[in-house]
Amino acid sequence: AQQLDRFCAEVDMQIGVNLVSRGTPFAGTKIRALAEAA
């Protein structure tokens, strides 16, 4: 169990790519349309 936990710690990664506004907030309706299209 200890060996398995060390293995899990080495590969347990979550990659996040952030998208931030340049001033004008993102509208919820546009987010929904883009998400469904994807």
PDB file of all heavy atoms in Angstrom:
ATOM      1  N   ALA A   1       0.830  -1.211   0.000  1.00  0.00           N
ATOM      2  CA  ALA A   1       0.000   0.000   0.000  1.00  0.00           C
ATOM      3  C   ALA A   1       0.860   1.255   0.000  1.00  0.00           C
ATOM      4  O   ALA A   1       0.548   2.241  -0.694  1.00  0.00           O
ATOM      5  CB  ALA A   1      -0.932  -0.013   1.215  1.00  0.00           C
ATOM      6  N   GLN A   2       1.952   1.249   0.754  1.00  0.00           N
ATOM      7  CA  GLN A   2       2.849   2.399   0.783  1.00  0.00           C
ATOM      8  C   GLN A   2       3.510   2.622  -0.580  1.00  0.00           C
ATOM      9  O   GLN A   2       3.615   3.760  -1.064  1.00  0.00           O
ATOM     10  CB  GLN A   2       3.923   2.193   1.856  1.00  0.00           C
ATOM     11  CG  GLN A   2       3.397   2.209   3.289  1.00  0.00           C
ATOM     12  CD  GLN A   2       2.924   3.590   3.718  1.00  0.00           C
ATOM     13  OE1 GLN A   2       3.343   4.615   3.156  1.00  0.00           O
ATOM     14  NE2 GLN A   2       2.047   3.630   4.713  1.00  0.00           N
ATOM     15  N   GLN A   3       3.943   1.546  -1.225  1.00  0.00           N
ATOM     16  CA  GLN A   3       4.552   1.670  -2.548  1.00  0.00           C
ATOM     17  C   GLN A   3       3.543   2.193  -3.566  1.00  0.00           C
ATOM     18  O   GLN A   3       3.869   3.037  -4.414  1.00  0.00           O
ATOM     19  CB  GLN A   3       5.094   0.319  -2.994  1.00  0.00           C
ATOM     20  CG  GLN A   3       6.243  -0.198  -2.141  1.00  0.00           C
ATOM     21  CD  GLN A   3       6.673  -1.606  -2.538  1.00  0.00           C
ATOM     22  OE1 GLN A   3       6.158  -2.171  -3.493  1.00  0.00           O
ATOM     23  NE2 GLN A   3       7.618  -2.171  -1.791  1.00  0.00           N
ATOM     24  N   LEU A   4       2.321   1.695  -3.496  1.00  0.00           N
ATOM     25  CA  LEU A   4       1.291   2.128  -4.432  1.00  0.00           C
ATOM     26  C   LEU A   4       0.952   3.604  -4.223  1.00  0.00           C
ATOM     27  O   LEU A   4       0.730   4.344  -5.190  1.00  0.00           O
ATOM     28  CB  LEU A   4       0.041   1.262  -4.253  1.00  0.00           C
ATOM     29  CG  LEU A   4      -1.105   1.479  -5.233  1.00  0.00           C
ATOM     30  CD1 LEU A   4      -0.655   1.193  -6.664  1.00  0.00           C
ATOM     31  CD2 LEU A   4      -2.296   0.603  -4.867  1.00  0.00           C
ATOM     32  N   ASP A   5       0.939   4.042  -2.985  1.00  0.00           N
ATOM     33  CA  ASP A   5       0.642   5.444  -2.705  1.00  0.00           C
ATOM     34  C   ASP A   5       1.737   6.352  -3.262  1.00  0.00           C
ATOM     35  O   ASP A   5       1.444   7.442  -3.791  1.00  0.00           O
ATOM     36  CB  ASP A   5       0.498   5.640  -1.193  1.00  0.00           C
ATOM     37  CG  ASP A   5       0.126   7.068  -0.827  1.00  0.00           C
ATOM     38  OD1 ASP A   5      -0.947   7.534  -1.264  1.00  0.00           O
ATOM     39  OD2 ASP A   5       0.916   7.719  -0.124  1.00  0.00           O
ATOM     40  N   ARG A   6       2.997   5.931  -3.172  1.00  0.00           N
ATOM     41  CA  ARG A   6       4.078   6.738  -3.740  1.00  0.00           C
ATOM     42  C   ARG A   6       3.959   6.820  -5.263  1.00  0.00           C
ATOM     43  O   ARG A   6       4.212   7.874  -5.860  1.00  0.00           O
ATOM     44  CB  ARG A   6       5.441   6.140  -3.336  1.00  0.00           C
ATOM     45  CG  ARG A   6       5.796   6.348  -1.868  1.00  0.00           C
ATOM     46  CD  ARG A   6       7.253   6.021  -1.600  1.00  0.00           C
ATOM     47  NE  ARG A   6       7.523   4.603  -1.729  1.00  0.00           N
ATOM     48  CZ  ARG A   6       7.424   3.731  -0.714  1.00  0.00           C
ATOM     49  NH1 ARG A   6       7.063   4.154   0.493  1.00  0.00           N
ATOM     50  NH2 ARG A   6       7.703   2.451  -0.898  1.00  0.00           N
ATOM     51  N   PHE A   7       3.591   5.710  -5.871  1.00  0.00           N
ATOM     52  CA  PHE A   7       3.372   5.722  -7.317  1.00  0.00           C
ATOM     53  C   PHE A   7       2.252   6.698  -7.696  1.00  0.00           C
ATOM     54  O   PHE A   7       2.391   7.497  -8.634  1.00  0.00           O
ATOM     55  CB  PHE A   7       3.026   4.313  -7.796  1.00  0.00           C
ATOM     56  CG  PHE A   7       2.367   4.268  -9.139  1.00  0.00           C
ATOM     57  CD1 PHE A   7       3.106   4.381 -10.299  1.00  0.00           C
ATOM     58  CD2 PHE A   7       0.982   4.120  -9.245  1.00  0.00           C
ATOM     59  CE1 PHE A   7       2.491   4.343 -11.544  1.00  0.00           C
ATOM     60  CE2 PHE A   7       0.363   4.076 -10.472  1.00  0.00           C
ATOM     61  CZ  PHE A   7       1.115   4.201 -11.629  1.00  0.00           C
ATOM     62  N   CYS A   8       1.160   6.659  -6.954  1.00  0.00           N
ATOM     63  CA  CYS A   8       0.031   7.547  -7.245  1.00  0.00           C
ATOM     64  C   CYS A   8       0.436   9.012  -7.114  1.00  0.00           C
ATOM     65  O   CYS A   8       0.026   9.858  -7.919  1.00  0.00           O
ATOM     66  CB  CYS A   8      -1.142   7.238  -6.311  1.00  0.00           C
ATOM     67  SG  CYS A   8      -1.923   5.636  -6.611  1.00  0.00           S
ATOM     68  N   ALA A   9       1.241   9.317  -6.102  1.00  0.00           N
ATOM     69  CA  ALA A   9       1.655  10.702  -5.892  1.00  0.00           C
ATOM     70  C   ALA A   9       2.498  11.222  -7.061  1.00  0.00           C
ATOM     71  O   ALA A   9       2.444  12.410  -7.391  1.00  0.00           O
ATOM     72  CB  ALA A   9       2.439  10.814  -4.585  1.00  0.00           C
ATOM     73  N   GLU A  10       3.261  10.333  -7.713  1.00  0.00           N
ATOM     74  CA  GLU A  10       4.120  10.761  -8.815  1.00  0.00           C
ATOM     75  C   GLU A  10       3.326  11.123 -10.063  1.00  0.00           C
ATOM     76  O   GLU A  10       3.759  11.965 -10.856  1.00  0.00           O
ATOM     77  CB  GLU A  10       5.124   9.652  -9.151  1.00  0.00           C
ATOM     78  CG  GLU A  10       6.198   9.448  -8.087  1.00  0.00           C
ATOM     79  CD  GLU A  10       7.222   8.422  -8.526  1.00  0.00           C
ATOM     80  OE1 GLU A  10       7.571   8.394  -9.726  1.00  0.00           O
ATOM     81  OE2 GLU A  10       7.671   7.624  -7.681  1.00  0.00           O
ATOM     82  N   VAL A  11       2.190  10.487 -10.267  1.00  0.00           N
ATOM     83  CA  VAL A  11       1.463  10.687 -11.534  1.00  0.00           C
ATOM     84  C   VAL A  11       0.137  11.420 -11.351  1.00  0.00           C
ATOM     85  O   VAL A  11      -0.548  11.701 -12.332  1.00  0.00           O
ATOM     86  CB  VAL A  11       1.212   9.328 -12.215  1.00  0.00           C
ATOM     87  CG1 VAL A  11       2.520   8.634 -12.530  1.00  0.00           C
ATOM     88  CG2 VAL A  11       0.308   8.436 -11.361  1.00  0.00           C
ATOM     89  N   ASP A  12      -0.230  11.741 -10.134  1.00  0.00           N
ATOM     90  CA  ASP A  12      -1.536  12.362  -9.885  1.00  0.00           C
ATOM     91  C   ASP A  12      -1.464  13.860 -10.206  1.00  0.00           C
ATOM     92  O   ASP A  12      -1.158  14.690  -9.348  1.00  0.00           O
ATOM     93  CB  ASP A  12      -1.953  12.147  -8.430  1.00  0.00           C
ATOM     94  CG  ASP A  12      -3.409  12.512  -8.201  1.00  0.00           C
ATOM     95  OD1 ASP A  12      -4.101  12.837  -9.177  1.00  0.00           O
ATOM     96  OD2 ASP A  12      -3.856  12.448  -7.043  1.00  0.00           O
ATOM     97  N   MET A  13      -1.763  14.194 -11.437  1.00  0.00           N
ATOM     98  CA  MET A  13      -1.689  15.580 -11.896  1.00  0.00           C
ATOM     99  C   MET A  13      -2.976  15.966 -12.611  1.00  0.00           C
ATOM    100  O   MET A  13      -3.561  15.147 -13.326  1.00  0.00           O
ATOM    101  CB  MET A  13      -0.508  15.773 -12.856  1.00  0.00           C
ATOM    102  CG  MET A  13       0.830  15.390 -12.278  1.00  0.00           C
ATOM    103  SD  MET A  13       2.168  15.575 -13.484  1.00  0.00           S
ATOM    104  CE  MET A  13       3.531  14.864 -12.577  1.00  0.00           C
ATOM    105  N   GLN A  14      -3.376  17.202 -12.416  1.00  0.00           N
ATOM    106  CA  GLN A  14      -4.499  17.776 -13.137  1.00  0.00           C
ATOM    107  C   GLN A  14      -4.004  19.033 -13.843  1.00  0.00           C
ATOM    108  O   GLN A  14      -3.520  19.962 -13.197  1.00  0.00           O
ATOM    109  CB  GLN A  14      -5.652  18.092 -12.183  1.00  0.00           C
ATOM    110  CG  GLN A  14      -6.296  16.838 -11.591  1.00  0.00           C
ATOM    111  CD  GLN A  14      -7.435  17.156 -10.649  1.00  0.00           C
ATOM    112  OE1 GLN A  14      -7.303  18.022  -9.770  1.00  0.00           O
ATOM    113  NE2 GLN A  14      -8.547  16.475 -10.819  1.00  0.00           N
ATOM    114  N   ILE A  15      -4.133  19.042 -15.141  1.00  0.00           N
ATOM    115  CA  ILE A  15      -3.627  20.146 -15.955  1.00  0.00           C
ATOM    116  C   ILE A  15      -4.760  21.120 -16.235  1.00  0.00           C
ATOM    117  O   ILE A  15      -5.787  20.740 -16.816  1.00  0.00           O
ATOM    118  CB  ILE A  15      -3.043  19.630 -17.282  1.00  0.00           C
ATOM    119  CG1 ILE A  15      -1.973  18.559 -17.006  1.00  0.00           C
ATOM    120  CG2 ILE A  15      -2.478  20.773 -18.092  1.00  0.00           C
ATOM    121  CD1 ILE A  15      -0.832  19.033 -16.163  1.00  0.00           C
ATOM    122  N   GLY A  16      -4.575  22.356 -15.812  1.00  0.00           N
ATOM    123  CA  GLY A  16      -5.576  23.386 -16.050  1.00  0.00           C
ATOM    124  C   GLY A  16      -5.053  24.467 -16.988  1.00  0.00           C
ATOM    125  O   GLY A  16      -3.937  24.953 -16.822  1.00  0.00           O
ATOM    126  N   VAL A  17      -5.862  24.805 -17.981  1.00  0.00           N
ATOM    127  CA  VAL A  17      -5.564  25.926 -18.869  1.00  0.00           C
ATOM    128  C   VAL A  17      -6.616  26.995 -18.608  1.00  0.00           C
ATOM    129  O   VAL A  17      -7.817  26.754 -18.812  1.00  0.00           O
ATOM    130  CB  VAL A  17      -5.574  25.489 -20.350  1.00  0.00           C
ATOM    131  CG1 VAL A  17      -5.313  26.685 -21.250  1.00  0.00           C
ATOM    132  CG2 VAL A  17      -4.537  24.399 -20.591  1.00  0.00           C
ATOM    133  N   ASN A  18      -6.176  28.145 -18.131  1.00  0.00           N
ATOM    134  CA  ASN A  18      -7.101  29.203 -17.737  1.00  0.00           C
ATOM    135  C   ASN A  18      -7.364  30.168 -18.891  1.00  0.00           C
ATOM    136  O   ASN A  18      -6.452  30.540 -19.643  1.00  0.00           O
ATOM    137  CB  ASN A  18      -6.532  29.984 -16.548  1.00  0.00           C
ATOM    138  CG  ASN A  18      -6.218  29.076 -15.365  1.00  0.00           C
ATOM    139  OD1 ASN A  18      -7.020  28.218 -15.007  1.00  0.00           O
ATOM    140  ND2 ASN A  18      -5.041  29.254 -14.778  1.00  0.00           N
ATOM    141  N   LEU A  19      -8.611  30.570 -18.988  1.00  0.00           N
ATOM    142  CA  LEU A  19      -9.013  31.572 -19.976  1.00  0.00           C
ATOM    143  C   LEU A  19      -9.653  32.727 -19.211  1.00  0.00           C
ATOM    144  O   LEU A  19     -10.688  32.556 -18.566  1.00  0.00           O
ATOM    145  CB  LEU A  19     -10.020  30.968 -20.966  1.00  0.00           C
ATOM    146  CG  LEU A  19     -10.562  31.906 -22.033  1.00  0.00           C
ATOM    147  CD1 LEU A  19      -9.448  32.411 -22.946  1.00  0.00           C
ATOM    148  CD2 LEU A  19     -11.662  31.222 -22.845  1.00  0.00           C
ATOM    149  N   VAL A  20      -8.990  33.908 -19.250  1.00  0.00           N
ATOM    150  CA  VAL A  20      -9.480  35.058 -18.501  1.00  0.00           C
ATOM    151  C   VAL A  20      -9.895  36.175 -19.463  1.00  0.00           C
ATOM    152  O   VAL A  20      -9.391  36.274 -20.594  1.00  0.00           O
ATOM    153  CB  VAL A  20      -8.404  35.590 -17.524  1.00  0.00           C
ATOM    154  CG1 VAL A  20      -8.081  34.525 -16.479  1.00  0.00           C
ATOM    155  CG2 VAL A  20      -7.148  36.007 -18.257  1.00  0.00           C
ATOM    156  N   SER A  21     -10.822  36.989 -18.987  1.00  0.00           N
ATOM    157  CA  SER A  21     -11.328  38.079 -19.829  1.00  0.00           C
ATOM    158  C   SER A  21     -10.300  39.207 -19.897  1.00  0.00           C
ATOM    159  O   SER A  21      -9.480  39.381 -19.003  1.00  0.00           O
ATOM    160  CB  SER A  21     -12.639  38.601 -19.274  1.00  0.00           C
ATOM    161  OG  SER A  21     -12.425  39.263 -18.037  1.00  0.00           O
ATOM    162  N   ARG A  22     -10.374  39.997 -20.952  1.00  0.00           N
ATOM    163  CA  ARG A  22      -9.501  41.157 -21.107  1.00  0.00           C
ATOM    164  C   ARG A  22     -10.174  42.428 -20.592  1.00  0.00           C
ATOM    165  O   ARG A  22      -9.717  43.530 -20.852  1.00  0.00           O
ATOM    166  CB  ARG A  22      -9.131  41.328 -22.571  1.00  0.00           C
ATOM    167  CG  ARG A  22      -8.363  40.143 -23.162  1.00  0.00           C
ATOM    168  CD  ARG A  22      -8.029  40.395 -24.609  1.00  0.00           C
ATOM    169  NE  ARG A  22      -7.429  39.244 -25.263  1.00  0.00           N
ATOM    170  CZ  ARG A  22      -6.132  38.966 -25.263  1.00  0.00           C
ATOM    171  NH1 ARG A  22      -5.284  39.764 -24.629  1.00  0.00           N
ATOM    172  NH2 ARG A  22      -5.680  37.894 -25.891  1.00  0.00           N
ATOM    173  N   GLY A  23     -11.235  42.265 -19.880  1.00  0.00           N
ATOM    174  CA  GLY A  23     -11.968  43.408 -19.329  1.00  0.00           C
ATOM    175  C   GLY A  23     -13.458  43.155 -19.300  1.00  0.00           C
ATOM    176  O   GLY A  23     -14.110  43.319 -18.270  1.00  0.00           O
ATOM    177  N   THR A  24     -14.027  42.723 -20.421  1.00  0.00           N
ATOM    178  CA  THR A  24     -15.463  42.451 -20.491  1.00  0.00           C
ATOM    179  C   THR A  24     -15.725  41.023 -20.046  1.00  0.00           C
ATOM    180  O   THR A  24     -15.120  40.073 -20.572  1.00  0.00           O
ATOM    181  CB  THR A  24     -15.978  42.641 -21.934  1.00  0.00           C
ATOM    182  OG1 THR A  24     -15.652  43.950 -22.375  1.00  0.00           O
ATOM    183  CG2 THR A  24     -17.467  42.417 -21.999  1.00  0.00           C
ATOM    184  N   PRO A  25     -16.587  40.829 -19.058  1.00  0.00           N
ATOM    185  CA  PRO A  25     -16.863  39.456 -18.585  1.00  0.00           C
ATOM    186  C   PRO A  25     -17.509  38.607 -19.686  1.00  0.00           C
ATOM    187  O   PRO A  25     -18.129  39.121 -20.606  1.00  0.00           O
ATOM    188  CB  PRO A  25     -17.786  39.663 -17.393  1.00  0.00           C
ATOM    189  CG  PRO A  25     -18.352  41.031 -17.542  1.00  0.00           C
ATOM    190  CD  PRO A  25     -17.371  41.844 -18.309  1.00  0.00           C
ATOM    191  N   PHE A  26     -17.357  37.278 -19.511  1.00  0.00           N
ATOM    192  CA  PHE A  26     -17.943  36.340 -20.465  1.00  0.00           C
ATOM    193  C   PHE A  26     -19.410  36.115 -20.120  1.00  0.00           C
ATOM    194  O   PHE A  26     -19.752  35.809 -18.957  1.00  0.00           O
ATOM    195  CB  PHE A  26     -17.212  34.996 -20.427  1.00  0.00           C
ATOM    196  CG  PHE A  26     -15.729  35.104 -20.634  1.00  0.00           C
ATOM    197  CD1 PHE A  26     -14.852  34.237 -19.992  1.00  0.00           C
ATOM    198  CD2 PHE A  26     -15.189  36.053 -21.497  1.00  0.00           C
ATOM    199  CE1 PHE A  26     -13.496  34.311 -20.187  1.00  0.00           C
ATOM    200  CE2 PHE A  26     -13.819  36.137 -21.710  1.00  0.00           C
ATOM    201  CZ  PHE A  26     -12.962  35.270 -21.043  1.00  0.00           C
ATOM    202  N   ALA A  27     -20.282  36.238 -21.109  1.00  0.00           N
ATOM    203  CA  ALA A  27     -21.709  36.032 -20.889  1.00  0.00           C
ATOM    204  C   ALA A  27     -22.018  34.540 -20.837  1.00  0.00           C
ATOM    205  O   ALA A  27     -21.463  33.736 -21.597  1.00  0.00           O
ATOM    206  CB  ALA A  27     -22.518  36.694 -22.003  1.00  0.00           C
ATOM    207  N   GLY A  28     -22.930  34.163 -19.932  1.00  0.00           N
ATOM    208  CA  GLY A  28     -23.301  32.759 -19.780  1.00  0.00           C
ATOM    209  C   GLY A  28     -23.898  32.158 -21.038  1.00  0.00           C
ATOM    210  O   GLY A  28     -23.669  30.984 -21.344  1.00  0.00           O
ATOM    211  N   THR A  29     -24.671  32.919 -21.785  1.00  0.00           N
ATOM    212  CA  THR A  29     -25.281  32.398 -23.002  1.00  0.00           C
ATOM    213  C   THR A  29     -24.230  32.053 -24.045  1.00  0.00           C
ATOM    214  O   THR A  29     -24.341  31.046 -24.753  1.00  0.00           O
ATOM    215  CB  THR A  29     -26.271  33.429 -23.570  1.00  0.00           C
ATOM    216  OG1 THR A  29     -25.600  34.700 -23.709  1.00  0.00           O
ATOM    217  CG2 THR A  29     -27.462  33.599 -22.647  1.00  0.00           C
ATOM    218  N   LYS A  30     -23.174  32.885 -24.149  1.00  0.00           N
ATOM    219  CA  LYS A  30     -22.110  32.584 -25.102  1.00  0.00           C
ATOM    220  C   LYS A  30     -21.304  31.353 -24.661  1.00  0.00           C
ATOM    221  O   LYS A  30     -20.904  30.536 -25.493  1.00  0.00           O
ATOM    222  CB  LYS A  30     -21.187  33.787 -25.245  1.00  0.00           C
ATOM    223  CG  LYS A  30     -21.792  34.948 -26.025  1.00  0.00           C
ATOM    224  CD  LYS A  30     -20.746  36.015 -26.273  1.00  0.00           C
ATOM    225  CE  LYS A  30     -21.301  37.135 -27.142  1.00  0.00           C
ATOM    226  NZ  LYS A  30     -20.278  38.180 -27.432  1.00  0.00           N
ATOM    227  N   ILE A  31     -21.090  31.232 -23.369  1.00  0.00           N
ATOM    228  CA  ILE A  31     -20.367  30.066 -22.852  1.00  0.00           C
ATOM    229  C   ILE A  31     -21.133  28.787 -23.187  1.00  0.00           C
ATOM    230  O   ILE A  31     -20.553  27.794 -23.658  1.00  0.00           O
ATOM    231  CB  ILE A  31     -20.151  30.187 -21.328  1.00  0.00           C
ATOM    232  CG1 ILE A  31     -19.230  31.376 -21.018  1.00  0.00           C
ATOM    233  CG2 ILE A  31     -19.581  28.894 -20.763  1.00  0.00           C
ATOM    234  CD1 ILE A  31     -19.113  31.679 -19.540  1.00  0.00           C
ATOM    235  N   ARG A  32     -22.453  28.812 -22.961  1.00  0.00           N
ATOM    236  CA  ARG A  32     -23.257  27.622 -23.261  1.00  0.00           C
ATOM    237  C   ARG A  32     -23.208  27.277 -24.746  1.00  0.00           C
ATOM    238  O   ARG A  32     -23.036  26.107 -25.112  1.00  0.00           O
ATOM    239  CB  ARG A  32     -24.704  27.853 -22.829  1.00  0.00           C
ATOM    240  CG  ARG A  32     -25.619  26.656 -23.127  1.00  0.00           C
ATOM    241  CD  ARG A  32     -27.024  26.907 -22.651  1.00  0.00           C
ATOM    242  NE  ARG A  32     -27.616  28.039 -23.354  1.00  0.00           N
ATOM    243  CZ  ARG A  32     -28.830  28.538 -23.069  1.00  0.00           C
ATOM    244  NH1 ARG A  32     -29.541  28.032 -22.069  1.00  0.00           N
ATOM    245  NH2 ARG A  32     -29.309  29.563 -23.752  1.00  0.00           N
ATOM    246  N   ALA A  33     -23.330  28.262 -25.615  1.00  0.00           N
ATOM    247  CA  ALA A  33     -23.324  27.999 -27.056  1.00  0.00           C
ATOM    248  C   ALA A  33     -21.986  27.411 -27.505  1.00  0.00           C
ATOM    249  O   ALA A  33     -21.946  26.450 -28.288  1.00  0.00           O
ATOM    250  CB  ALA A  33     -23.619  29.294 -27.815  1.00  0.00           C
ATOM    251  N   LEU A  34     -20.893  27.967 -26.995  1.00  0.00           N
ATOM    252  CA  LEU A  34     -19.577  27.464 -27.382  1.00  0.00           C
ATOM    253  C   LEU A  34     -19.332  26.054 -26.834  1.00  0.00           C
ATOM    254  O   LEU A  34     -18.765  25.191 -27.522  1.00  0.00           O
ATOM    255  CB  LEU A  34     -18.492  28.413 -26.888  1.00  0.00           C
ATOM    256  CG  LEU A  34     -18.406  29.783 -27.582  1.00  0.00           C
ATOM    257  CD1 LEU A  34     -17.478  30.716 -26.796  1.00  0.00           C
ATOM    258  CD2 LEU A  34     -17.893  29.609 -29.015  1.00  0.00           C
ATOM    259  N   ALA A  35     -19.762  25.812 -25.614  1.00  0.00           N
ATOM    260  CA  ALA A  35     -19.556  24.500 -24.995  1.00  0.00           C
ATOM    261  C   ALA A  35     -20.349  23.417 -25.733  1.00  0.00           C
ATOM    262  O   ALA A  35     -19.831  22.327 -26.012  1.00  0.00           O
ATOM    263  CB  ALA A  35     -19.945  24.544 -23.524  1.00  0.00           C
ATOM    264  N   GLU A  36     -21.594  23.708 -26.045  1.00  0.00           N
ATOM    265  CA  GLU A  36     -22.405  22.720 -26.756  1.00  0.00           C
ATOM    266  C   GLU A  36     -21.874  22.482 -28.161  1.00  0.00           C
ATOM    267  O   GLU A  36     -21.901  21.352 -28.670  1.00  0.00           O
ATOM    268  CB  GLU A  36     -23.853  23.177 -26.782  1.00  0.00           C
ATOM    269  CG  GLU A  36     -24.511  23.154 -25.397  1.00  0.00           C
ATOM    270  CD  GLU A  36     -25.936  23.703 -25.417  1.00  0.00           C
ATOM    271  OE1 GLU A  36     -26.351  24.219 -26.483  1.00  0.00           O
ATOM    272  OE2 GLU A  36     -26.630  23.591 -24.380  1.00  0.00           O
ATOM    273  N   ALA A  37     -21.375  23.533 -28.814  1.00  0.00           N
ATOM    274  CA  ALA A  37     -20.782  23.352 -30.149  1.00  0.00           C
ATOM    275  C   ALA A  37     -19.532  22.486 -30.092  1.00  0.00           C
ATOM    276  O   ALA A  37     -19.186  21.815 -31.072  1.00  0.00           O
ATOM    277  CB  ALA A  37     -20.457  24.717 -30.750  1.00  0.00           C
ATOM    278  N   ALA A  38     -18.839  22.477 -28.952  1.00  0.00           N
ATOM    279  CA  ALA A  38     -17.632  21.664 -28.785  1.00  0.00           C
ATOM    280  C   ALA A  38     -17.948  20.251 -28.290  1.00  0.00           C
ATOM    281  O   ALA A  38     -17.025  19.496 -27.960  1.00  0.00           O
ATOM    282  CB  ALA A  38     -16.685  22.344 -27.804  1.00  0.00           C
TER     283      ALA A  38
END
